[in-house]
Amino acid sequence: MTKLTRRNALGVIAAPAALAATAPAAIAQQPAPAFTLLLVNDIYKMSDDKGRGGFARAERAKGVPLLFCHAGDCYSPSLMSGFDQGAHIVAMQNKMGLDVFVPGNHEFDFGKENYLKLTGAQTYPTFAANLRDAAGQPLPGHKDSQIFELGGFKVGVIGTTFDPTPQVSSPGDLKFSSTMEALRREARALKSQGADVLVAVVHADRAMDNEIVRSRVVDILLTGHDHDLAIAYDGKVVMVESNEEGNYVTAIDIAVSVRGEGAARQVSWTPTFRVNDSRSATPDPEVAALVKGYESELSKELDIDVAVLAAPLDSRTGVIRTQEAAIGNLIADAIRAATGAKLAITNAGGIRANKQYPAGHRLTRRDVLSELPFGNATVMVEITGKDVKDALENGLRDAPQGSGRFPVISGFKFEADLKQPQGSRVLSITVDGQPIDPAGRYSVASNNFLLAGGDGYTALGRGKTLIGLTDGKLMANEVMVYLRKLGTVDAKVEGRIVLK
């Protein structure tokens, strides 16, 4: 059992006592917390954006006992991770005073060996009760759960990683078991050890979050993956997610009361939530110096122009994962041109910078690598028209909800009715103005992640491989070559994808 009394925290968190001294009377009358839980999740970028987010906005704050939790997704994707596979994130997070770190799916983007190398370099613990090696054994330096003593109470903490990681990342032969089964197993163990409050720190989508809440298997759920700023409390279970990129940091102050003793002892607790905007935080000088050094290294290679925009581009997540976008058309055109394929299909989830570029903007290498940070390579396959349709049906599976599997295409057009059942949504596909031939064979450019079945695109692997998983060129570099040839980019939405 670990006893925590004072910890380092993000600077957006002030000591609760100091808050009470200056807060309105209604806030000051809240019960004094026994401990505080602090959550961050899904932080990819080193630097802040207009004063919000990033790693440097940290300072030392003292108050009641605090448990600082990270719900995963940080070692990838980012601009720098394309060069050092996430090592810079470990260097910065080693200075942040993390108590609990749960790996997200992106921690495995550069493979099993890189993941183990990074976790081995951490000074903070990794929790993953549903992660095992190929032999079914826990990984070195990993924990399933732990009891922390916070303010005189036993707080049991369980960590789990993202169940579907093998389908969306590259963890090799690592084994991912059921989140719910792992939580139930560890909750029983912690209760038997006398835990007063159970906390799950998980990387899970909202459907799994909701299942955990309904199960009542834990008291407090700290989650990542959906990038939402979300707080829910139904009187029994708390669920919190802290947006993304460190833009907002959520603190939960927990007031605890005890009745009875021995076998009759009953513990009850009450949460108070504080959502903190990181723009108010003072940058930590030590971390800021690290960021500055990394940014300087990047600038030497990346701040080089490759093209100028004649029309704006929009890579915001809510746009590219739900509809045709000009930047998606541009990227799909580039990989089709690079491979000589008839068609191209890639995934919106591979386009990551989440920003807008105005007309007249000079695109740089940095822009391209920010949009395509995964290090994916181009591939080309020969598949049937039916396979093309099946690939599109997979891409539309979650629509109209935004999804990383949403198709980004070139060389053809299609129409779909999202009111129809999954798997029966594509109404028509046209190539060169003619209906696609279900039995015909078409060369299709894509990326190695999708060819390996990533994001459910198994249809791409059914035919003949023309450029294989290890044969293609870096997708981001191919896009840069294409942009340089264009010089001036006038990409637009063209009606390639029509959704009803």
Foldseek 3Di string as FASTA:
>chain_A
DAEFFWFFAQQLDAAPVVCLVPDPPVSVPPDAFLEKEKEAEAAADQDADPLFFHLQLGDGHTYFGYAYEYLEHYQDDALCCLPVSRLLVQVSVLPRGHAEYEYELSCQQPEQVSSLVSQVSHPYAYAALQKDALVRHRDPRYHQWDWYQGSNATEIEGEHYEQVSVQAHHHDNMGGDDPVVSLLVSLVVVVVVPHQFYEYRYEYDVVVVVVCVVVLSGAEYEYDDPQDQDWDDPPGHIYGYQRHNRQKMKMWRKHKDWDDDDPPIHIDIDIDMDIGGSSPGDGHPVSVVSSVVSVVVCCVPKVAFQAAEQAKFFLAQLPLQADATLVLQLLQVLLCVVVVFLKEKEWSLQQALRGMDGHGDGDILNNLCRGHRSQWFKWKFKAFPLLVLQLQLLLCQPPPPGDRSNIRMPQKAWEFENVDHRPPTTDFIDGPRHTGDRGDITMYMYTLSVCVCHSNSVSRVPGGTDQHRPRGDGSSVSSSVVNNVVRYDHGGDDNRYHYD
